[in-house]
Amino acid sequence: MKKVYFLGLVAALLAFTACEKNERKPEGNIRVVAPVLNMAQSSVWLRDTAGETFINKFLMRINWTEARFTYENGVPAGTVTLRYVLEADVNDFTNPVTVKQTQSLFADLFSENLITWFGGEPDTSRYVLLRVKAIYGFAANTSNTEDRLICEAVSNTLVLKVDPIKPVDPEDTVPEIPEVNIRFKQVTGNWANFFAYSWSTGAADNIEEFGGWPGKKLNTDGEGWYLLTIPGSRPIHIILNNGSGSQWDFIDDPTIDDAGDYEIDTDARTKNKL
C-alpha cells in the first residue's frame, strides 16, 4: 500500500512539473517595448561668454527607460549583449552619428561631443535630433540549436537647440532653479546615520555643496524624518551615505516636482514618494 501511495505521489509531482514547464514555455513572437528618451532641458549653449577659452563643458545628462522584451504569452525573453546607442542627426536620421554607446540608462552630453560632430564650433544656433537605440540579441530558448537573433528597438526623437554662446534673450535662457526640499524617512533598512554628499561636473572644478566626503550629517525631527535642502546649482548629484561605507546615488538634478516626502528602503536603495 505504501508503495502504491509513493508511486502516486511521484506521478503527481511529474505531472505538476510538466504543467509548470508548459506554462513557462515561450510562445509566439517577441514583443519589444522600446526605450523612452527624456531630457531635462531642450536647449544648451557651448560657451558662457564670447571669446572665453574653450573647455569641454558638461551640458546635461540624457536619460531613457529600459527596453523590455517578452513573448506573446508574457514569458520574458532572455536578452544578451544588450546595449544602448545614443544617436544624433539634423535631418530625419538619414546619416546618424553615434554620441555614446553604453549599457547604462543615461549618457552625459559634453560640448566636445557636439563640436566634434559639427566639425567645429557653430556660428549660429543649431537644432539637433536625438534618439536612442536598444541593440540586443536573444539566446536560443529551446532544445534545438538556433542562431542568435540580433534586433534593435528605437526610441522617440527629441529636438535639442544648441547655441554657440549663452543666449541674451531672457526667453531663451534656462530659468533660475529654486532650492528643492526633500524629506525622507527610512522604513526599511538599518542605517543609523545619514550624510548627504554632492558633486557636480562641468567647466568648473568639482563643487561639493555639502563639503568633503562624507558630506553634511542630517538629523531627524524626532519622528524619523530627515530634511535635505538641495541648492539651485546645476548640475548636481546627491549621494546619501551612512558614514560607515554604505552609499546610495540618491538623486540627480532634482526639479521642484521632486520636492516632497519620501519613504526609503536603504537595503534595496529605493524611494517612494508619498
C-alpha atoms as a PDB file:
ATOM      1  CA  MET A   1       0.000   0.000   0.000  1.00  0.00           C
ATOM      2  CA  LYS A   2       2.837   2.364   0.872  1.00  0.00           C
ATOM      3  CA  LYS A   3       4.498   1.587  -2.459  1.00  0.00           C
ATOM      4  CA  VAL A   4       1.334   2.462  -4.377  1.00  0.00           C
ATOM      5  CA  TYR A   5       0.972   5.683  -2.391  1.00  0.00           C
ATOM      6  CA  PHE A   6       4.602   6.615  -3.108  1.00  0.00           C
ATOM      7  CA  LEU A   7       4.215   5.952  -6.845  1.00  0.00           C
ATOM      8  CA  GLY A   8       1.086   8.114  -6.880  1.00  0.00           C
ATOM      9  CA  LEU A   9       2.995  10.993  -5.329  1.00  0.00           C
ATOM     10  CA  VAL A  10       5.777  10.663  -7.890  1.00  0.00           C
ATOM     11  CA  ALA A  11       3.257  10.650 -10.760  1.00  0.00           C
ATOM     12  CA  ALA A  12       1.527  13.721  -9.377  1.00  0.00           C
ATOM     13  CA  LEU A  13       4.840  15.532  -8.989  1.00  0.00           C
ATOM     14  CA  LEU A  14       5.871  14.712 -12.555  1.00  0.00           C
ATOM     15  CA  ALA A  15       2.526  15.894 -13.882  1.00  0.00           C
ATOM     16  CA  PHE A  16       2.829  19.138 -11.913  1.00  0.00           C
ATOM     17  CA  THR A  17       6.371  19.690 -13.220  1.00  0.00           C
ATOM     18  CA  ALA A  18       5.218  19.087 -16.787  1.00  0.00           C
ATOM     19  CA  CYS A  19       2.449  21.659 -16.343  1.00  0.00           C
ATOM     20  CA  GLU A  20       4.965  24.132 -14.958  1.00  0.00           C
ATOM     21  CA  LYS A  21       7.232  23.627 -17.946  1.00  0.00           C
ATOM     22  CA  ASN A  22       4.312  24.017 -20.364  1.00  0.00           C
ATOM     23  CA  GLU A  23       3.202  27.234 -18.692  1.00  0.00           C
ATOM     24  CA  ARG A  24       6.702  28.692 -18.798  1.00  0.00           C
ATOM     25  CA  LYS A  25       7.482  27.722 -22.391  1.00  0.00           C
ATOM     26  CA  PRO A  26       7.842  30.772 -24.669  1.00  0.00           C
ATOM     27  CA  GLU A  27       5.092  31.096 -27.259  1.00  0.00           C
ATOM     28  CA  GLY A  28       4.659  33.457 -30.169  1.00  0.00           C
ATOM     29  CA  ASN A  29       6.833  36.271 -31.445  1.00  0.00           C
ATOM     30  CA  ILE A  30       8.968  38.502 -29.275  1.00  0.00           C
ATOM     31  CA  ARG A  31       7.328  41.772 -28.337  1.00  0.00           C
ATOM     32  CA  VAL A  32       9.505  44.795 -27.671  1.00  0.00           C
ATOM     33  CA  VAL A  33       8.818  47.902 -25.606  1.00  0.00           C
ATOM     34  CA  ALA A  34      11.298  50.460 -26.932  1.00  0.00           C
ATOM     35  CA  PRO A  35      13.139  52.823 -24.568  1.00  0.00           C
ATOM     36  CA  VAL A  36      11.677  56.295 -23.990  1.00  0.00           C
ATOM     37  CA  LEU A  37      14.142  59.182 -24.246  1.00  0.00           C
ATOM     38  CA  ASN A  38      13.950  62.056 -21.734  1.00  0.00           C
ATOM     39  CA  MET A  39      15.837  65.366 -21.492  1.00  0.00           C
ATOM     40  CA  ALA A  40      15.774  67.788 -18.576  1.00  0.00           C
ATOM     41  CA  GLN A  41      16.014  70.759 -20.971  1.00  0.00           C
ATOM     42  CA  SER A  42      15.510  71.425 -24.673  1.00  0.00           C
ATOM     43  CA  SER A  43      18.374  73.875 -25.207  1.00  0.00           C
ATOM     44  CA  VAL A  44      22.056  74.188 -24.279  1.00  0.00           C
ATOM     45  CA  TRP A  45      24.941  76.553 -25.006  1.00  0.00           C
ATOM     46  CA  LEU A  46      28.591  75.727 -25.628  1.00  0.00           C
ATOM     47  CA  ARG A  47      30.176  78.816 -24.012  1.00  0.00           C
ATOM     48  CA  ASP A  48      29.009  81.191 -21.309  1.00  0.00           C
ATOM     49  CA  THR A  49      30.586  84.260 -22.955  1.00  0.00           C
ATOM     50  CA  ALA A  50      32.105  85.052 -26.330  1.00  0.00           C
ATOM     51  CA  GLY A  51      35.877  84.795 -26.590  1.00  0.00           C
ATOM     52  CA  GLU A  52      36.430  82.679 -23.493  1.00  0.00           C
ATOM     53  CA  THR A  53      38.948  79.841 -23.550  1.00  0.00           C
ATOM     54  CA  PHE A  54      37.298  76.650 -24.723  1.00  0.00           C
ATOM     55  CA  ILE A  55      36.740  73.993 -22.026  1.00  0.00           C
ATOM     56  CA  ASN A  56      34.905  70.740 -22.553  1.00  0.00           C
ATOM     57  CA  LYS A  57      31.710  71.820 -20.809  1.00  0.00           C
ATOM     58  CA  PHE A  58      29.168  69.471 -19.279  1.00  0.00           C
ATOM     59  CA  LEU A  59      25.820  70.209 -20.911  1.00  0.00           C
ATOM     60  CA  MET A  60      23.349  67.776 -19.376  1.00  0.00           C
ATOM     61  CA  ARG A  61      22.534  64.155 -18.607  1.00  0.00           C
ATOM     62  CA  ILE A  62      20.170  62.411 -21.021  1.00  0.00           C
ATOM     63  CA  ASN A  63      18.098  59.528 -19.631  1.00  0.00           C
ATOM     64  CA  TRP A  64      15.949  56.800 -21.120  1.00  0.00           C
ATOM     65  CA  THR A  65      13.794  53.966 -19.855  1.00  0.00           C
ATOM     66  CA  GLU A  66      14.835  50.336 -20.041  1.00  0.00           C
ATOM     67  CA  ALA A  67      13.851  48.358 -23.140  1.00  0.00           C
ATOM     68  CA  ARG A  68      11.689  45.316 -22.326  1.00  0.00           C
ATOM     69  CA  PHE A  69      11.218  42.070 -24.227  1.00  0.00           C
ATOM     70  CA  THR A  70       8.551  39.375 -23.775  1.00  0.00           C
ATOM     71  CA  TYR A  71       6.973  36.615 -25.820  1.00  0.00           C
ATOM     72  CA  GLU A  72       3.286  36.892 -26.745  1.00  0.00           C
ATOM     73  CA  ASN A  73       2.288  34.715 -23.782  1.00  0.00           C
ATOM     74  CA  GLY A  74       4.082  37.029 -21.361  1.00  0.00           C
ATOM     75  CA  VAL A  75       7.201  34.931 -20.754  1.00  0.00           C
ATOM     76  CA  PRO A  76      10.265  37.221 -20.521  1.00  0.00           C
ATOM     77  CA  ALA A  77      12.713  36.890 -23.410  1.00  0.00           C
ATOM     78  CA  GLY A  78      16.307  36.217 -22.390  1.00  0.00           C
ATOM     79  CA  THR A  79      18.296  39.076 -23.896  1.00  0.00           C
ATOM     80  CA  VAL A  80      22.059  39.036 -24.193  1.00  0.00           C
ATOM     81  CA  THR A  81      24.589  41.703 -25.211  1.00  0.00           C
ATOM     82  CA  LEU A  82      22.036  44.469 -24.653  1.00  0.00           C
ATOM     83  CA  ARG A  83      23.496  47.920 -25.264  1.00  0.00           C
ATOM     84  CA  TYR A  84      22.139  51.393 -25.907  1.00  0.00           C
ATOM     85  CA  VAL A  85      23.370  53.743 -28.621  1.00  0.00           C
ATOM     86  CA  LEU A  86      22.620  57.470 -28.362  1.00  0.00           C
ATOM     87  CA  GLU A  87      22.485  58.934 -31.862  1.00  0.00           C
ATOM     88  CA  ALA A  88      22.319  62.479 -33.264  1.00  0.00           C
ATOM     89  CA  ASP A  89      21.411  63.896 -36.666  1.00  0.00           C
ATOM     90  CA  VAL A  90      19.971  67.026 -38.257  1.00  0.00           C
ATOM     91  CA  ASN A  91      17.657  65.509 -40.851  1.00  0.00           C
ATOM     92  CA  ASP A  92      15.454  62.509 -40.014  1.00  0.00           C
ATOM     93  CA  PHE A  93      18.448  60.286 -39.148  1.00  0.00           C
ATOM     94  CA  THR A  94      19.450  59.741 -42.740  1.00  0.00           C
ATOM     95  CA  ASN A  95      23.080  59.946 -41.618  1.00  0.00           C
ATOM     96  CA  PRO A  96      23.129  59.491 -37.820  1.00  0.00           C
ATOM     97  CA  VAL A  97      26.270  59.892 -35.717  1.00  0.00           C
ATOM     98  CA  THR A  98      26.889  57.875 -32.547  1.00  0.00           C
ATOM     99  CA  VAL A  99      27.244  60.112 -29.488  1.00  0.00           C
ATOM    100  CA  LYS A 100      27.628  57.352 -26.903  1.00  0.00           C
ATOM    101  CA  GLN A 101      27.391  53.560 -26.573  1.00  0.00           C
ATOM    102  CA  THR A 102      26.605  52.247 -23.112  1.00  0.00           C
ATOM    103  CA  GLN A 103      24.825  49.559 -21.114  1.00  0.00           C
ATOM    104  CA  SER A 104      23.518  52.205 -18.704  1.00  0.00           C
ATOM    105  CA  LEU A 105      20.237  54.108 -18.939  1.00  0.00           C
ATOM    106  CA  PHE A 106      21.867  57.509 -19.325  1.00  0.00           C
ATOM    107  CA  ALA A 107      24.613  59.390 -21.128  1.00  0.00           C
ATOM    108  CA  ASP A 108      26.325  62.651 -20.186  1.00  0.00           C
ATOM    109  CA  LEU A 109      26.485  65.160 -23.024  1.00  0.00           C
ATOM    110  CA  PHE A 110      29.539  67.432 -23.253  1.00  0.00           C
ATOM    111  CA  SER A 111      30.228  70.336 -25.585  1.00  0.00           C
ATOM    112  CA  GLU A 112      33.105  68.380 -27.162  1.00  0.00           C
ATOM    113  CA  ASN A 113      30.584  65.760 -28.378  1.00  0.00           C
ATOM    114  CA  LEU A 114      28.670  68.369 -30.366  1.00  0.00           C
ATOM    115  CA  ILE A 115      31.654  70.420 -31.563  1.00  0.00           C
ATOM    116  CA  THR A 116      33.328  67.286 -32.915  1.00  0.00           C
ATOM    117  CA  TRP A 117      30.134  66.295 -34.684  1.00  0.00           C
ATOM    118  CA  PHE A 118      29.587  69.822 -36.106  1.00  0.00           C
ATOM    119  CA  GLY A 119      33.172  69.823 -37.395  1.00  0.00           C
ATOM    120  CA  GLY A 120      33.958  72.911 -35.302  1.00  0.00           C
ATOM    121  CA  GLU A 121      32.184  75.465 -33.156  1.00  0.00           C
ATOM    122  CA  PRO A 122      28.971  76.672 -34.836  1.00  0.00           C
ATOM    123  CA  ASP A 123      28.474  80.393 -35.543  1.00  0.00           C
ATOM    124  CA  THR A 124      24.706  80.284 -35.172  1.00  0.00           C
ATOM    125  CA  SER A 125      22.114  78.217 -33.330  1.00  0.00           C
ATOM    126  CA  ARG A 126      21.757  74.637 -34.499  1.00  0.00           C
ATOM    127  CA  TYR A 127      18.958  72.131 -33.942  1.00  0.00           C
ATOM    128  CA  VAL A 128      19.933  68.519 -33.269  1.00  0.00           C
ATOM    129  CA  LEU A 129      17.745  65.409 -33.333  1.00  0.00           C
ATOM    130  CA  LEU A 130      18.491  62.832 -30.637  1.00  0.00           C
ATOM    131  CA  ARG A 131      17.300  59.251 -30.223  1.00  0.00           C
ATOM    132  CA  VAL A 132      18.481  56.075 -28.521  1.00  0.00           C
ATOM    133  CA  LYS A 133      18.551  52.570 -29.985  1.00  0.00           C
ATOM    134  CA  ALA A 134      18.462  49.411 -27.890  1.00  0.00           C
ATOM    135  CA  ILE A 135      20.537  46.813 -29.730  1.00  0.00           C
ATOM    136  CA  TYR A 136      20.234  43.287 -28.395  1.00  0.00           C
ATOM    137  CA  GLY A 137      20.406  39.583 -29.146  1.00  0.00           C
ATOM    138  CA  PHE A 138      18.264  36.678 -27.959  1.00  0.00           C
ATOM    139  CA  ALA A 139      19.749  33.412 -26.751  1.00  0.00           C
ATOM    140  CA  ALA A 140      18.131  30.211 -28.046  1.00  0.00           C
ATOM    141  CA  ASN A 141      15.372  29.283 -25.638  1.00  0.00           C
ATOM    142  CA  THR A 142      14.513  25.827 -26.939  1.00  0.00           C
ATOM    143  CA  SER A 143      16.214  22.437 -27.063  1.00  0.00           C
ATOM    144  CA  ASN A 144      17.051  22.979 -30.735  1.00  0.00           C
ATOM    145  CA  THR A 145      20.209  24.720 -31.863  1.00  0.00           C
ATOM    146  CA  GLU A 146      19.320  28.197 -33.126  1.00  0.00           C
ATOM    147  CA  ASP A 147      21.336  31.186 -34.196  1.00  0.00           C
ATOM    148  CA  ARG A 148      21.095  34.301 -32.069  1.00  0.00           C
ATOM    149  CA  LEU A 149      18.561  36.806 -33.297  1.00  0.00           C
ATOM    150  CA  ILE A 150      20.010  40.312 -33.338  1.00  0.00           C
ATOM    151  CA  CYS A 151      17.417  43.092 -33.251  1.00  0.00           C
ATOM    152  CA  GLU A 152      17.018  46.737 -32.291  1.00  0.00           C
ATOM    153  CA  ALA A 153      14.321  48.972 -30.824  1.00  0.00           C
ATOM    154  CA  VAL A 154      14.323  52.713 -31.467  1.00  0.00           C
ATOM    155  CA  SER A 155      13.100  55.339 -29.011  1.00  0.00           C
ATOM    156  CA  ASN A 156      11.182  58.542 -29.608  1.00  0.00           C
ATOM    157  CA  THR A 157      13.029  61.509 -31.135  1.00  0.00           C
ATOM    158  CA  LEU A 158      13.731  64.748 -29.240  1.00  0.00           C
ATOM    159  CA  VAL A 159      14.990  68.086 -30.564  1.00  0.00           C
ATOM    160  CA  LEU A 160      17.852  69.920 -28.849  1.00  0.00           C
ATOM    161  CA  LYS A 161      18.676  73.562 -29.611  1.00  0.00           C
ATOM    162  CA  VAL A 162      22.426  74.279 -29.428  1.00  0.00           C
ATOM    163  CA  ASP A 163      23.607  77.895 -29.082  1.00  0.00           C
ATOM    164  CA  PRO A 164      27.289  78.788 -29.550  1.00  0.00           C
ATOM    165  CA  ILE A 165      27.215  81.132 -26.519  1.00  0.00           C
ATOM    166  CA  LYS A 166      24.764  81.738 -23.692  1.00  0.00           C
ATOM    167  CA  PRO A 167      21.644  83.442 -25.114  1.00  0.00           C
ATOM    168  CA  VAL A 168      20.993  87.022 -24.019  1.00  0.00           C
ATOM    169  CA  ASP A 169      17.261  86.856 -24.693  1.00  0.00           C
ATOM    170  CA  PRO A 170      15.564  86.035 -21.332  1.00  0.00           C
ATOM    171  CA  GLU A 171      13.095  83.758 -23.145  1.00  0.00           C
ATOM    172  CA  ASP A 172      15.959  81.542 -24.313  1.00  0.00           C
ATOM    173  CA  THR A 173      17.870  81.293 -21.061  1.00  0.00           C
ATOM    174  CA  VAL A 174      17.453  78.471 -18.575  1.00  0.00           C
ATOM    175  CA  PRO A 175      15.278  79.755 -15.707  1.00  0.00           C
ATOM    176  CA  GLU A 176      16.736  80.122 -12.232  1.00  0.00           C
ATOM    177  CA  ILE A 177      16.418  76.845 -10.363  1.00  0.00           C
ATOM    178  CA  PRO A 178      14.975  77.139  -6.853  1.00  0.00           C
ATOM    179  CA  GLU A 179      16.048  75.138  -3.841  1.00  0.00           C
ATOM    180  CA  VAL A 180      14.398  71.720  -3.600  1.00  0.00           C
ATOM    181  CA  ASN A 181      13.342  70.423  -0.181  1.00  0.00           C
ATOM    182  CA  ILE A 182      13.130  66.652   0.183  1.00  0.00           C
ATOM    183  CA  ARG A 183      12.048  64.927   3.387  1.00  0.00           C
ATOM    184  CA  PHE A 184      12.659  61.220   3.746  1.00  0.00           C
ATOM    185  CA  LYS A 185      12.081  58.504   6.310  1.00  0.00           C
ATOM    186  CA  GLN A 186      13.776  55.106   6.450  1.00  0.00           C
ATOM    187  CA  VAL A 187      11.053  52.446   6.531  1.00  0.00           C
ATOM    188  CA  THR A 188      13.275  49.502   5.559  1.00  0.00           C
ATOM    189  CA  GLY A 189      16.952  49.143   6.410  1.00  0.00           C
ATOM    190  CA  ASN A 190      19.147  49.831   9.393  1.00  0.00           C
ATOM    191  CA  TRP A 191      21.253  52.882   8.625  1.00  0.00           C
ATOM    192  CA  ALA A 192      21.952  54.582  11.942  1.00  0.00           C
ATOM    193  CA  ASN A 193      23.249  57.817  10.379  1.00  0.00           C
ATOM    194  CA  PHE A 194      22.633  59.750   7.181  1.00  0.00           C
ATOM    195  CA  PHE A 195      25.060  62.050   5.401  1.00  0.00           C
ATOM    196  CA  ALA A 196      24.406  63.994   2.183  1.00  0.00           C
ATOM    197  CA  TYR A 197      27.290  64.479  -0.241  1.00  0.00           C
ATOM    198  CA  SER A 198      27.017  66.403  -3.511  1.00  0.00           C
ATOM    199  CA  TRP A 199      29.233  66.677  -6.570  1.00  0.00           C
ATOM    200  CA  SER A 200      28.997  68.409  -9.914  1.00  0.00           C
ATOM    201  CA  THR A 201      30.699  68.224 -13.300  1.00  0.00           C
ATOM    202  CA  GLY A 202      31.288  70.878 -15.891  1.00  0.00           C
ATOM    203  CA  ALA A 203      33.621  73.636 -16.887  1.00  0.00           C
ATOM    204  CA  ALA A 204      34.438  74.497 -13.271  1.00  0.00           C
ATOM    205  CA  ASP A 205      36.174  72.283 -10.775  1.00  0.00           C
ATOM    206  CA  ASN A 206      34.036  69.835  -8.848  1.00  0.00           C
ATOM    207  CA  ILE A 207      31.785  71.683  -6.399  1.00  0.00           C
ATOM    208  CA  GLU A 208      30.940  69.978  -3.119  1.00  0.00           C
ATOM    209  CA  GLU A 209      27.930  71.910  -1.841  1.00  0.00           C
ATOM    210  CA  PHE A 210      27.867  69.941   1.423  1.00  0.00           C
ATOM    211  CA  GLY A 211      31.627  69.833   1.978  1.00  0.00           C
ATOM    212  CA  GLY A 212      34.068  66.956   1.523  1.00  0.00           C
ATOM    213  CA  TRP A 213      33.169  63.305   1.951  1.00  0.00           C
ATOM    214  CA  PRO A 214      31.016  62.063   3.674  1.00  0.00           C
ATOM    215  CA  GLY A 215      29.304  65.460   3.411  1.00  0.00           C
ATOM    216  CA  LYS A 216      26.714  67.042   5.675  1.00  0.00           C
ATOM    217  CA  LYS A 217      25.225  64.990   8.502  1.00  0.00           C
ATOM    218  CA  LEU A 218      21.414  65.044   8.543  1.00  0.00           C
ATOM    219  CA  ASN A 219      19.375  64.986  11.752  1.00  0.00           C
ATOM    220  CA  THR A 220      15.848  63.700  12.322  1.00  0.00           C
ATOM    221  CA  ASP A 221      12.918  65.730  13.587  1.00  0.00           C
ATOM    222  CA  GLY A 222      12.339  63.201  16.375  1.00  0.00           C
ATOM    223  CA  GLU A 223       9.867  61.160  14.334  1.00  0.00           C
ATOM    224  CA  GLY A 224      12.376  59.645  11.938  1.00  0.00           C
ATOM    225  CA  TRP A 225      12.092  62.292   9.174  1.00  0.00           C
ATOM    226  CA  TYR A 226      15.226  63.802   7.634  1.00  0.00           C
ATOM    227  CA  LEU A 227      15.193  67.107   5.734  1.00  0.00           C
ATOM    228  CA  LEU A 228      17.529  67.562   2.753  1.00  0.00           C
ATOM    229  CA  THR A 229      17.611  71.009   1.136  1.00  0.00           C
ATOM    230  CA  ILE A 230      19.245  70.826  -2.294  1.00  0.00           C
ATOM    231  CA  PRO A 231      20.630  74.153  -3.596  1.00  0.00           C
ATOM    232  CA  GLY A 232      19.741  75.504  -7.034  1.00  0.00           C
ATOM    233  CA  SER A 233      23.190  74.966  -8.571  1.00  0.00           C
ATOM    234  CA  ARG A 234      23.194  72.583 -11.546  1.00  0.00           C
ATOM    235  CA  PRO A 235      24.361  70.040 -12.461  1.00  0.00           C
ATOM    236  CA  ILE A 236      24.276  68.444  -9.026  1.00  0.00           C
ATOM    237  CA  HIS A 237      24.414  64.808  -7.980  1.00  0.00           C
ATOM    238  CA  ILE A 238      23.341  63.798  -4.462  1.00  0.00           C
ATOM    239  CA  ILE A 239      24.747  60.735  -2.708  1.00  0.00           C
ATOM    240  CA  LEU A 240      23.357  59.516   0.612  1.00  0.00           C
ATOM    241  CA  ASN A 241      25.722  57.541   2.817  1.00  0.00           C
ATOM    242  CA  ASN A 242      25.798  56.264   6.384  1.00  0.00           C
ATOM    243  CA  GLY A 243      29.344  57.407   7.118  1.00  0.00           C
ATOM    244  CA  SER A 244      30.422  53.783   7.505  1.00  0.00           C
ATOM    245  CA  GLY A 245      30.950  52.572   3.938  1.00  0.00           C
ATOM    246  CA  SER A 246      27.404  52.250   2.541  1.00  0.00           C
ATOM    247  CA  GLN A 247      26.256  54.763  -0.067  1.00  0.00           C
ATOM    248  CA  TRP A 248      23.391  55.388  -2.474  1.00  0.00           C
ATOM    249  CA  ASP A 249      23.163  57.563  -5.620  1.00  0.00           C
ATOM    250  CA  PHE A 250      20.033  59.237  -4.325  1.00  0.00           C
ATOM    251  CA  ILE A 251      19.025  61.817  -6.959  1.00  0.00           C
ATOM    252  CA  ASP A 252      20.443  63.816  -9.888  1.00  0.00           C
ATOM    253  CA  ASP A 253      19.447  67.373 -10.849  1.00  0.00           C
ATOM    254  CA  PRO A 254      16.102  67.429  -8.988  1.00  0.00           C
ATOM    255  CA  THR A 255      13.383  69.860 -10.039  1.00  0.00           C
ATOM    256  CA  ILE A 256      10.637  71.427  -7.950  1.00  0.00           C
ATOM    257  CA  ASP A 257       8.453  68.441  -8.924  1.00  0.00           C
ATOM    258  CA  ASP A 258      10.808  66.201  -6.924  1.00  0.00           C
ATOM    259  CA  ALA A 259      10.182  68.131  -3.696  1.00  0.00           C
ATOM    260  CA  GLY A 260       8.109  66.340  -1.055  1.00  0.00           C
ATOM    261  CA  ASP A 261       8.113  63.398   1.336  1.00  0.00           C
ATOM    262  CA  TYR A 262       9.644  60.001   0.563  1.00  0.00           C
ATOM    263  CA  GLU A 263       9.743  56.631   2.255  1.00  0.00           C
ATOM    264  CA  ILE A 264      13.082  54.991   1.543  1.00  0.00           C
ATOM    265  CA  ASP A 265      14.490  51.461   1.630  1.00  0.00           C
ATOM    266  CA  THR A 266      18.225  51.599   2.319  1.00  0.00           C
ATOM    267  CA  ASP A 267      18.594  47.836   1.720  1.00  0.00           C
ATOM    268  CA  ALA A 268      17.214  47.959  -1.835  1.00  0.00           C
ATOM    269  CA  ARG A 269      18.251  51.611  -2.416  1.00  0.00           C
ATOM    270  CA  THR A 270      14.734  52.615  -3.489  1.00  0.00           C
ATOM    271  CA  LYS A 271      12.453  55.553  -2.634  1.00  0.00           C
ATOM    272  CA  ASN A 272       8.704  56.008  -2.807  1.00  0.00           C
ATOM    273  CA  LYS A 273       7.185  59.486  -2.976  1.00  0.00           C
ATOM    274  CA  LEU A 274       4.130  59.942  -0.759  1.00  0.00           C
END
